[in-house]
PDB file of all heavy atoms in Angstrom:
ATOM      1  N   TRP A   1     -24.116 -10.432  12.884  1.00  0.00           N
ATOM      2  CA  TRP A   1     -22.892 -11.114  12.511  1.00  0.00           C
ATOM      3  C   TRP A   1     -22.504 -12.133  13.580  1.00  0.00           C
ATOM      4  O   TRP A   1     -22.999 -12.130  14.708  1.00  0.00           O
ATOM      5  CB  TRP A   1     -21.785 -10.088  12.297  1.00  0.00           C
ATOM      6  CG  TRP A   1     -21.273  -9.444  13.553  1.00  0.00           C
ATOM      7  CD1 TRP A   1     -20.174  -9.809  14.259  1.00  0.00           C
ATOM      8  CD2 TRP A   1     -21.824  -8.316  14.262  1.00  0.00           C
ATOM      9  NE1 TRP A   1     -20.003  -8.990  15.353  1.00  0.00           N
ATOM     10  CE2 TRP A   1     -20.996  -8.070  15.382  1.00  0.00           C
ATOM     11  CE3 TRP A   1     -22.933  -7.502  14.053  1.00  0.00           C
ATOM     12  CZ2 TRP A   1     -21.245  -7.048  16.276  1.00  0.00           C
ATOM     13  CZ3 TRP A   1     -23.190  -6.482  14.957  1.00  0.00           C
ATOM     14  CH2 TRP A   1     -22.348  -6.263  16.041  1.00  0.00           C
ATOM     15  N   LYS A   2     -21.587 -13.037  13.191  1.00  0.00           N
ATOM     16  CA  LYS A   2     -21.089 -14.026  14.152  1.00  0.00           C
ATOM     17  C   LYS A   2     -20.376 -13.316  15.306  1.00  0.00           C
ATOM     18  O   LYS A   2     -19.699 -12.320  15.103  1.00  0.00           O
ATOM     19  CB  LYS A   2     -20.125 -14.980  13.459  1.00  0.00           C
ATOM     20  CG  LYS A   2     -20.771 -15.901  12.454  1.00  0.00           C
ATOM     21  CD  LYS A   2     -19.728 -16.770  11.761  1.00  0.00           C
ATOM     22  CE  LYS A   2     -19.087 -17.741  12.725  1.00  0.00           C
ATOM     23  NZ  LYS A   2     -18.179 -18.679  12.034  1.00  0.00           N
ATOM     24  N   LYS A   3     -20.485 -13.888  16.502  1.00  0.00           N
ATOM     25  CA  LYS A   3     -19.878 -13.257  17.672  1.00  0.00           C
ATOM     26  C   LYS A   3     -18.649 -13.998  18.190  1.00  0.00           C
ATOM     27  O   LYS A   3     -17.768 -13.385  18.795  1.00  0.00           O
ATOM     28  CB  LYS A   3     -20.914 -13.128  18.785  1.00  0.00           C
ATOM     29  CG  LYS A   3     -22.017 -12.114  18.459  1.00  0.00           C
ATOM     30  CD  LYS A   3     -22.892 -11.843  19.657  1.00  0.00           C
ATOM     31  CE  LYS A   3     -23.885 -10.731  19.346  1.00  0.00           C
ATOM     32  NZ  LYS A   3     -24.725 -10.390  20.533  1.00  0.00           N
ATOM     33  N   ASP A   4     -18.581 -15.311  17.987  1.00  0.00           N
ATOM     34  CA  ASP A   4     -17.442 -16.100  18.454  1.00  0.00           C
ATOM     35  C   ASP A   4     -16.790 -16.780  17.255  1.00  0.00           C
ATOM     36  O   ASP A   4     -17.418 -17.640  16.619  1.00  0.00           O
ATOM     37  CB  ASP A   4     -17.893 -17.154  19.473  1.00  0.00           C
ATOM     38  CG  ASP A   4     -18.531 -16.531  20.716  1.00  0.00           C
ATOM     39  OD1 ASP A   4     -18.078 -15.446  21.121  1.00  0.00           O
ATOM     40  OD2 ASP A   4     -19.465 -17.135  21.253  1.00  0.00           O
ATOM     41  N   TYR A   5     -15.558 -16.405  16.948  1.00  0.00           N
ATOM     42  CA  TYR A   5     -14.913 -16.893  15.740  1.00  0.00           C
ATOM     43  C   TYR A   5     -13.430 -16.538  15.778  1.00  0.00           C
ATOM     44  O   TYR A   5     -12.960 -15.867  16.699  1.00  0.00           O
ATOM     45  CB  TYR A   5     -15.550 -16.276  14.495  1.00  0.00           C
ATOM     46  CG  TYR A   5     -15.575 -14.756  14.486  1.00  0.00           C
ATOM     47  CD1 TYR A   5     -14.567 -14.023  13.865  1.00  0.00           C
ATOM     48  CD2 TYR A   5     -16.595 -14.050  15.113  1.00  0.00           C
ATOM     49  CE1 TYR A   5     -14.580 -12.642  13.856  1.00  0.00           C
ATOM     50  CE2 TYR A   5     -16.618 -12.661  15.115  1.00  0.00           C
ATOM     51  CZ  TYR A   5     -15.603 -11.965  14.489  1.00  0.00           C
ATOM     52  OH  TYR A   5     -15.612 -10.590  14.491  1.00  0.00           O
ATOM     53  N   VAL A   6     -12.691 -17.006  14.775  1.00  0.00           N
ATOM     54  CA  VAL A   6     -11.313 -16.550  14.572  1.00  0.00           C
ATOM     55  C   VAL A   6     -11.243 -15.879  13.203  1.00  0.00           C
ATOM     56  O   VAL A   6     -11.967 -16.255  12.274  1.00  0.00           O
ATOM     57  CB  VAL A   6     -10.280 -17.701  14.665  1.00  0.00           C
ATOM     58  CG1 VAL A   6     -10.210 -18.257  16.063  1.00  0.00           C
ATOM     59  CG2 VAL A   6     -10.585 -18.797  13.655  1.00  0.00           C
ATOM     60  N   PHE A   7     -10.385 -14.881  13.089  1.00  0.00           N
ATOM     61  CA  PHE A   7     -10.250 -14.144  11.831  1.00  0.00           C
ATOM     62  C   PHE A   7      -8.786 -13.783  11.610  1.00  0.00           C
ATOM     63  O   PHE A   7      -8.079 -13.434  12.554  1.00  0.00           O
ATOM     64  CB  PHE A   7     -11.102 -12.875  11.838  1.00  0.00           C
ATOM     65  CG  PHE A   7     -11.214 -12.227  10.485  1.00  0.00           C
ATOM     66  CD1 PHE A   7     -12.157 -12.667   9.570  1.00  0.00           C
ATOM     67  CD2 PHE A   7     -10.361 -11.198  10.110  1.00  0.00           C
ATOM     68  CE1 PHE A   7     -12.259 -12.093   8.311  1.00  0.00           C
ATOM     69  CE2 PHE A   7     -10.453 -10.616   8.863  1.00  0.00           C
ATOM     70  CZ  PHE A   7     -11.403 -11.062   7.959  1.00  0.00           C
ATOM     71  N   THR A   8      -8.356 -13.850  10.352  1.00  0.00           N
ATOM     72  CA  THR A   8      -6.948 -13.657   9.997  1.00  0.00           C
ATOM     73  C   THR A   8      -6.796 -12.551   8.963  1.00  0.00           C
ATOM     74  O   THR A   8      -7.584 -12.460   8.018  1.00  0.00           O
ATOM     75  CB  THR A   8      -6.359 -14.960   9.411  1.00  0.00           C
ATOM     76  OG1 THR A   8      -6.526 -16.017  10.355  1.00  0.00           O
ATOM     77  CG2 THR A   8      -4.888 -14.790   9.071  1.00  0.00           C
ATOM     78  N   SER A   9      -5.781 -11.728   9.143  1.00  0.00           N
ATOM     79  CA  SER A   9      -5.376 -10.753   8.133  1.00  0.00           C
ATOM     80  C   SER A   9      -3.863 -10.810   7.961  1.00  0.00           C
ATOM     81  O   SER A   9      -3.134 -11.209   8.874  1.00  0.00           O
ATOM     82  CB  SER A   9      -5.780  -9.328   8.531  1.00  0.00           C
ATOM     83  OG  SER A   9      -7.176  -9.179   8.557  1.00  0.00           O
ATOM     84  N   GLU A  10      -3.401 -10.413   6.784  1.00  0.00           N
ATOM     85  CA  GLU A  10      -1.963 -10.387   6.508  1.00  0.00           C
ATOM     86  C   GLU A  10      -1.511  -8.988   6.136  1.00  0.00           C
ATOM     87  O   GLU A  10      -2.308  -8.147   5.717  1.00  0.00           O
ATOM     88  CB  GLU A  10      -1.605 -11.348   5.375  1.00  0.00           C
ATOM     89  CG  GLU A  10      -2.078 -10.894   4.007  1.00  0.00           C
ATOM     90  CD  GLU A  10      -1.297 -11.517   2.855  1.00  0.00           C
ATOM     91  OE1 GLU A  10      -0.248 -12.137   3.090  1.00  0.00           O
ATOM     92  OE2 GLU A  10      -1.747 -11.339   1.702  1.00  0.00           O
ATOM     93  N   SER A  11      -0.211  -8.755   6.288  1.00  0.00           N
ATOM     94  CA  SER A  11       0.414  -7.538   5.805  1.00  0.00           C
ATOM     95  C   SER A  11       1.723  -7.910   5.122  1.00  0.00           C
ATOM     96  O   SER A  11       2.228  -9.029   5.296  1.00  0.00           O
ATOM     97  CB  SER A  11       0.685  -6.560   6.953  1.00  0.00           C
ATOM     98  OG  SER A  11       1.276  -5.357   6.473  1.00  0.00           O
ATOM     99  N   VAL A  12       2.232  -6.993   4.338  1.00  0.00           N
ATOM    100  CA  VAL A  12       3.546  -7.162   3.712  1.00  0.00           C
ATOM    101  C   VAL A  12       4.341  -5.877   3.919  1.00  0.00           C
ATOM    102  O   VAL A  12       3.784  -4.799   4.054  1.00  0.00           O
ATOM    103  CB  VAL A  12       3.451  -7.502   2.207  1.00  0.00           C
ATOM    104  CG1 VAL A  12       2.712  -8.808   1.990  1.00  0.00           C
ATOM    105  CG2 VAL A  12       2.780  -6.381   1.425  1.00  0.00           C
ATOM    106  N   SER A  13       5.660  -6.005   3.928  1.00  0.00           N
ATOM    107  CA  SER A  13       6.525  -4.866   4.225  1.00  0.00           C
ATOM    108  C   SER A  13       6.763  -4.003   2.994  1.00  0.00           C
ATOM    109  O   SER A  13       6.401  -4.347   1.870  1.00  0.00           O
ATOM    110  CB  SER A  13       7.873  -5.366   4.752  1.00  0.00           C
ATOM    111  OG  SER A  13       8.615  -5.940   3.686  1.00  0.00           O
ATOM    112  N   GLU A  14       7.426  -2.877   3.229  1.00  0.00           N
ATOM    113  CA  GLU A  14       7.778  -1.964   2.138  1.00  0.00           C
ATOM    114  C   GLU A  14       8.701  -2.610   1.117  1.00  0.00           C
ATOM    115  O   GLU A  14       8.780  -2.160  -0.030  1.00  0.00           O
ATOM    116  CB  GLU A  14       8.451  -0.724   2.720  1.00  0.00           C
ATOM    117  CG  GLU A  14       9.800  -1.011   3.373  1.00  0.00           C
ATOM    118  CD  GLU A  14      10.164  -0.030   4.457  1.00  0.00           C
ATOM    119  OE1 GLU A  14       9.470   0.019   5.485  1.00  0.00           O
ATOM    120  OE2 GLU A  14      11.156   0.693   4.274  1.00  0.00           O
ATOM    121  N   GLY A  15       9.415  -3.675   1.521  1.00  0.00           N
ATOM    122  CA  GLY A  15      10.339  -4.338   0.610  1.00  0.00           C
ATOM    123  C   GLY A  15       9.729  -5.488  -0.152  1.00  0.00           C
ATOM    124  O   GLY A  15      10.403  -6.104  -0.996  1.00  0.00           O
ATOM    125  N   HIS A  16       8.461  -5.814   0.114  1.00  0.00           N
ATOM    126  CA  HIS A  16       7.781  -6.824  -0.686  1.00  0.00           C
ATOM    127  C   HIS A  16       7.742  -6.347  -2.139  1.00  0.00           C
ATOM    128  O   HIS A  16       7.544  -5.153  -2.399  1.00  0.00           O
ATOM    129  CB  HIS A  16       6.362  -7.045  -0.155  1.00  0.00           C
ATOM    130  CG  HIS A  16       5.612  -8.130  -0.848  1.00  0.00           C
ATOM    131  ND1 HIS A  16       5.029  -7.949  -2.080  1.00  0.00           N
ATOM    132  CD2 HIS A  16       5.359  -9.414  -0.492  1.00  0.00           C
ATOM    133  CE1 HIS A  16       4.435  -9.078  -2.444  1.00  0.00           C
ATOM    134  NE2 HIS A  16       4.629  -9.982  -1.503  1.00  0.00           N
ATOM    135  N   PRO A  17       7.930  -7.236  -3.109  1.00  0.00           N
ATOM    136  CA  PRO A  17       8.007  -6.787  -4.515  1.00  0.00           C
ATOM    137  C   PRO A  17       6.832  -5.926  -4.957  1.00  0.00           C
ATOM    138  O   PRO A  17       7.020  -4.909  -5.651  1.00  0.00           O
ATOM    139  CB  PRO A  17       8.068  -8.100  -5.295  1.00  0.00           C
ATOM    140  CG  PRO A  17       8.668  -9.077  -4.342  1.00  0.00           C
ATOM    141  CD  PRO A  17       8.184  -8.680  -2.979  1.00  0.00           C
ATOM    142  N   ASP A  18       5.614  -6.303  -4.572  1.00  0.00           N
ATOM    143  CA  ASP A  18       4.459  -5.493  -4.967  1.00  0.00           C
ATOM    144  C   ASP A  18       4.483  -4.126  -4.305  1.00  0.00           C
ATOM    145  O   ASP A  18       4.053  -3.124  -4.897  1.00  0.00           O
ATOM    146  CB  ASP A  18       3.159  -6.215  -4.604  1.00  0.00           C
ATOM    147  CG  ASP A  18       2.972  -7.510  -5.377  1.00  0.00           C
ATOM    148  OD1 ASP A  18       3.501  -7.612  -6.502  1.00  0.00           O
ATOM    149  OD2 ASP A  18       2.308  -8.427  -4.846  1.00  0.00           O
ATOM    150  N   LYS A  19       4.990  -4.062  -3.080  1.00  0.00           N
ATOM    151  CA  LYS A  19       5.045  -2.786  -2.383  1.00  0.00           C
ATOM    152  C   LYS A  19       6.166  -1.886  -2.909  1.00  0.00           C
ATOM    153  O   LYS A  19       6.049  -0.659  -2.864  1.00  0.00           O
ATOM    154  CB  LYS A  19       5.203  -3.017  -0.878  1.00  0.00           C
ATOM    155  CG  LYS A  19       3.901  -3.422  -0.220  1.00  0.00           C
ATOM    156  CD  LYS A  19       2.950  -2.253  -0.240  1.00  0.00           C
ATOM    157  CE  LYS A  19       1.509  -2.656  -0.304  1.00  0.00           C
ATOM    158  NZ  LYS A  19       0.632  -1.566  -0.709  1.00  0.00           N
ATOM    159  N   VAL A  20       7.244  -2.486  -3.395  1.00  0.00           N
ATOM    160  CA  VAL A  20       8.262  -1.690  -4.086  1.00  0.00           C
ATOM    161  C   VAL A  20       7.610  -0.970  -5.265  1.00  0.00           C
ATOM    162  O   VAL A  20       7.829   0.230  -5.494  1.00  0.00           O
ATOM    163  CB  VAL A  20       9.424  -2.576  -4.571  1.00  0.00           C
ATOM    164  CG1 VAL A  20      10.394  -1.780  -5.438  1.00  0.00           C
ATOM    165  CG2 VAL A  20      10.163  -3.195  -3.381  1.00  0.00           C
ATOM    166  N   CYS A  21       6.774  -1.698  -5.996  1.00  0.00           N
ATOM    167  CA  CYS A  21       6.105  -1.111  -7.156  1.00  0.00           C
ATOM    168  C   CYS A  21       5.101  -0.042  -6.754  1.00  0.00           C
ATOM    169  O   CYS A  21       5.012   1.020  -7.388  1.00  0.00           O
ATOM    170  CB  CYS A  21       5.414  -2.220  -7.957  1.00  0.00           C
ATOM    171  SG  CYS A  21       6.569  -3.372  -8.726  1.00  0.00           S
ATOM    172  N   ASP A  22       4.337  -0.303  -5.693  1.00  0.00           N
ATOM    173  CA  ASP A  22       3.404   0.721  -5.203  1.00  0.00           C
ATOM    174  C   ASP A  22       4.151   1.994  -4.816  1.00  0.00           C
ATOM    175  O   ASP A  22       3.705   3.114  -5.123  1.00  0.00           O
ATOM    176  CB  ASP A  22       2.639   0.196  -3.982  1.00  0.00           C
ATOM    177  CG  ASP A  22       1.549  -0.801  -4.338  1.00  0.00           C
ATOM    178  OD1 ASP A  22       1.229  -0.950  -5.535  1.00  0.00           O
ATOM    179  OD2 ASP A  22       1.013  -1.439  -3.412  1.00  0.00           O
ATOM    180  N   ARG A  23       5.277   1.828  -4.148  1.00  0.00           N
ATOM    181  CA  ARG A  23       6.051   2.993  -3.703  1.00  0.00           C
ATOM    182  C   ARG A  23       6.555   3.805  -4.897  1.00  0.00           C
ATOM    183  O   ARG A  23       6.472   5.041  -4.901  1.00  0.00           O
ATOM    184  CB  ARG A  23       7.229   2.501  -2.853  1.00  0.00           C
ATOM    185  CG  ARG A  23       8.247   3.553  -2.467  1.00  0.00           C
ATOM    186  CD  ARG A  23       7.749   4.508  -1.392  1.00  0.00           C
ATOM    187  NE  ARG A  23       8.824   5.372  -0.934  1.00  0.00           N
ATOM    188  CZ  ARG A  23       9.668   5.073   0.050  1.00  0.00           C
ATOM    189  NH1 ARG A  23       9.574   3.917   0.684  1.00  0.00           N
ATOM    190  NH2 ARG A  23      10.610   5.924   0.406  1.00  0.00           N
ATOM    191  N   ILE A  24       7.060   3.129  -5.908  1.00  0.00           N
ATOM    192  CA  ILE A  24       7.562   3.837  -7.084  1.00  0.00           C
ATOM    193  C   ILE A  24       6.415   4.560  -7.794  1.00  0.00           C
ATOM    194  O   ILE A  24       6.535   5.738  -8.165  1.00  0.00           O
ATOM    195  CB  ILE A  24       8.282   2.867  -8.034  1.00  0.00           C
ATOM    196  CG1 ILE A  24       9.578   2.356  -7.390  1.00  0.00           C
ATOM    197  CG2 ILE A  24       8.576   3.540  -9.380  1.00  0.00           C
ATOM    198  CD1 ILE A  24      10.247   1.225  -8.153  1.00  0.00           C
ATOM    199  N   SER A  25       5.295   3.874  -7.981  1.00  0.00           N
ATOM    200  CA  SER A  25       4.153   4.499  -8.654  1.00  0.00           C
ATOM    201  C   SER A  25       3.659   5.721  -7.894  1.00  0.00           C
ATOM    202  O   SER A  25       3.325   6.753  -8.503  1.00  0.00           O
ATOM    203  CB  SER A  25       3.021   3.480  -8.820  1.00  0.00           C
ATOM    204  OG  SER A  25       3.382   2.457  -9.722  1.00  0.00           O
ATOM    205  N   ASP A  26       3.613   5.639  -6.567  1.00  0.00           N
ATOM    206  CA  ASP A  26       3.165   6.793  -5.788  1.00  0.00           C
ATOM    207  C   ASP A  26       4.212   7.900  -5.749  1.00  0.00           C
ATOM    208  O   ASP A  26       3.864   9.080  -5.605  1.00  0.00           O
ATOM    209  CB  ASP A  26       2.786   6.353  -4.372  1.00  0.00           C
ATOM    210  CG  ASP A  26       1.347   5.864  -4.292  1.00  0.00           C
ATOM    211  OD1 ASP A  26       0.548   6.249  -5.166  1.00  0.00           O
ATOM    212  OD2 ASP A  26       1.024   5.110  -3.367  1.00  0.00           O
ATOM    213  N   ALA A  27       5.477   7.546  -5.887  1.00  0.00           N
ATOM    214  CA  ALA A  27       6.505   8.587  -5.996  1.00  0.00           C
ATOM    215  C   ALA A  27       6.324   9.379  -7.285  1.00  0.00           C
ATOM    216  O   ALA A  27       6.582  10.596  -7.319  1.00  0.00           O
ATOM    217  CB  ALA A  27       7.895   7.956  -5.951  1.00  0.00           C
ATOM    218  N   VAL A  28       5.881   8.717  -8.339  1.00  0.00           N
ATOM    219  CA  VAL A  28       5.589   9.415  -9.598  1.00  0.00           C
ATOM    220  C   VAL A  28       4.407  10.363  -9.392  1.00  0.00           C
ATOM    221  O   VAL A  28       4.428  11.519  -9.839  1.00  0.00           O
ATOM    222  CB  VAL A  28       5.310   8.410 -10.726  1.00  0.00           C
ATOM    223  CG1 VAL A  28       4.829   9.133 -11.980  1.00  0.00           C
ATOM    224  CG2 VAL A  28       6.560   7.590 -11.035  1.00  0.00           C
ATOM    225  N   VAL A  29       3.358   9.903  -8.701  1.00  0.00           N
ATOM    226  CA  VAL A  29       2.224  10.782  -8.394  1.00  0.00           C
ATOM    227  C   VAL A  29       2.706  12.017  -7.634  1.00  0.00           C
ATOM    228  O   VAL A  29       2.360  13.156  -7.978  1.00  0.00           O
ATOM    229  CB  VAL A  29       1.158  10.034  -7.575  1.00  0.00           C
ATOM    230  CG1 VAL A  29       0.056  10.995  -7.138  1.00  0.00           C
ATOM    231  CG2 VAL A  29       0.563   8.876  -8.384  1.00  0.00           C
ATOM    232  N   ASP A  30       3.509  11.805  -6.614  1.00  0.00           N
ATOM    233  CA  ASP A  30       4.008  12.928  -5.819  1.00  0.00           C
ATOM    234  C   ASP A  30       4.858  13.879  -6.647  1.00  0.00           C
ATOM    235  O   ASP A  30       4.791  15.107  -6.470  1.00  0.00           O
ATOM    236  CB  ASP A  30       4.820  12.406  -4.632  1.00  0.00           C
ATOM    237  CG  ASP A  30       3.947  11.869  -3.509  1.00  0.00           C
ATOM    238  OD1 ASP A  30       2.714  11.989  -3.603  1.00  0.00           O
ATOM    239  OD2 ASP A  30       4.512  11.331  -2.531  1.00  0.00           O
ATOM    240  N   ALA A  31       5.673  13.331  -7.545  1.00  0.00           N
ATOM    241  CA  ALA A  31       6.530  14.179  -8.383  1.00  0.00           C
ATOM    242  C   ALA A  31       5.679  15.126  -9.230  1.00  0.00           C
ATOM    243  O   ALA A  31       5.992  16.325  -9.356  1.00  0.00           O
ATOM    244  CB  ALA A  31       7.413  13.310  -9.269  1.00  0.00           C
ATOM    245  N   PHE A  32       4.591  14.614  -9.799  1.00  0.00           N
ATOM    246  CA  PHE A  32       3.738  15.464 -10.631  1.00  0.00           C
ATOM    247  C   PHE A  32       2.944  16.455  -9.797  1.00  0.00           C
ATOM    248  O   PHE A  32       2.820  17.634 -10.164  1.00  0.00           O
ATOM    249  CB  PHE A  32       2.813  14.594 -11.488  1.00  0.00           C
ATOM    250  CG  PHE A  32       3.439  14.143 -12.772  1.00  0.00           C
ATOM    251  CD1 PHE A  32       4.172  12.968 -12.821  1.00  0.00           C
ATOM    252  CD2 PHE A  32       3.330  14.910 -13.931  1.00  0.00           C
ATOM    253  CE1 PHE A  32       4.775  12.552 -13.997  1.00  0.00           C
ATOM    254  CE2 PHE A  32       3.931  14.508 -15.118  1.00  0.00           C
ATOM    255  CZ  PHE A  32       4.658  13.321 -15.159  1.00  0.00           C
ATOM    256  N   LEU A  33       2.381  16.013  -8.658  1.00  0.00           N
ATOM    257  CA  LEU A  33       1.592  16.932  -7.838  1.00  0.00           C
ATOM    258  C   LEU A  33       2.453  18.014  -7.203  1.00  0.00           C
ATOM    259  O   LEU A  33       1.964  19.104  -6.903  1.00  0.00           O
ATOM    260  CB  LEU A  33       0.837  16.151  -6.761  1.00  0.00           C
ATOM    261  CG  LEU A  33      -0.286  15.234  -7.259  1.00  0.00           C
ATOM    262  CD1 LEU A  33      -0.925  14.495  -6.092  1.00  0.00           C
ATOM    263  CD2 LEU A  33      -1.343  16.019  -8.030  1.00  0.00           C
ATOM    264  N   THR A  34       3.736  17.734  -6.977  1.00  0.00           N
ATOM    265  CA  THR A  34       4.648  18.755  -6.465  1.00  0.00           C
ATOM    266  C   THR A  34       4.776  19.905  -7.453  1.00  0.00           C
ATOM    267  O   THR A  34       4.845  21.083  -7.068  1.00  0.00           O
ATOM    268  CB  THR A  34       6.034  18.147  -6.185  1.00  0.00           C
ATOM    269  OG1 THR A  34       5.915  17.164  -5.157  1.00  0.00           O
ATOM    270  CG2 THR A  34       7.032  19.209  -5.746  1.00  0.00           C
ATOM    271  N   GLU A  35       4.789  19.576  -8.727  1.00  0.00           N
ATOM    272  CA  GLU A  35       4.964  20.591  -9.774  1.00  0.00           C
ATOM    273  C   GLU A  35       3.647  21.216 -10.219  1.00  0.00           C
ATOM    274  O   GLU A  35       3.614  22.370 -10.633  1.00  0.00           O
ATOM    275  CB  GLU A  35       5.662  19.945 -10.980  1.00  0.00           C
ATOM    276  CG  GLU A  35       7.029  19.360 -10.685  1.00  0.00           C
ATOM    277  CD  GLU A  35       8.050  20.414 -10.329  1.00  0.00           C
ATOM    278  OE1 GLU A  35       7.889  21.573 -10.757  1.00  0.00           O
ATOM    279  OE2 GLU A  35       9.007  20.090  -9.592  1.00  0.00           O
ATOM    280  N   ASP A  36       2.548  20.426 -10.161  1.00  0.00           N
ATOM    281  CA  ASP A  36       1.256  20.917 -10.650  1.00  0.00           C
ATOM    282  C   ASP A  36       0.162  20.123  -9.942  1.00  0.00           C
ATOM    283  O   ASP A  36      -0.013  18.933 -10.196  1.00  0.00           O
ATOM    284  CB  ASP A  36       1.159  20.716 -12.165  1.00  0.00           C
ATOM    285  CG  ASP A  36      -0.170  21.211 -12.744  1.00  0.00           C
ATOM    286  OD1 ASP A  36      -1.028  21.674 -11.971  1.00  0.00           O
ATOM    287  OD2 ASP A  36      -0.359  21.108 -13.972  1.00  0.00           O
ATOM    288  N   ASN A  37      -0.586  20.792  -9.051  1.00  0.00           N
ATOM    289  CA  ASN A  37      -1.589  20.049  -8.286  1.00  0.00           C
ATOM    290  C   ASN A  37      -2.803  19.665  -9.116  1.00  0.00           C
ATOM    291  O   ASN A  37      -3.720  19.002  -8.610  1.00  0.00           O
ATOM    292  CB  ASN A  37      -2.018  20.825  -7.030  1.00  0.00           C
ATOM    293  CG  ASN A  37      -2.707  22.142  -7.349  1.00  0.00           C
ATOM    294  OD1 ASN A  37      -3.017  22.452  -8.494  1.00  0.00           O
ATOM    295  ND2 ASN A  37      -2.958  22.924  -6.314  1.00  0.00           N
TER     296      ASN A  37
END
């Protein structure tokens, strides 16, 4: 692989619209697994 270069990555916070949706969807997963694994 290349040895000398620049590389960029991004992140988004819990309040980003897509992350709000991820959080809600995973809360549904947790709700069901709490009652029945």
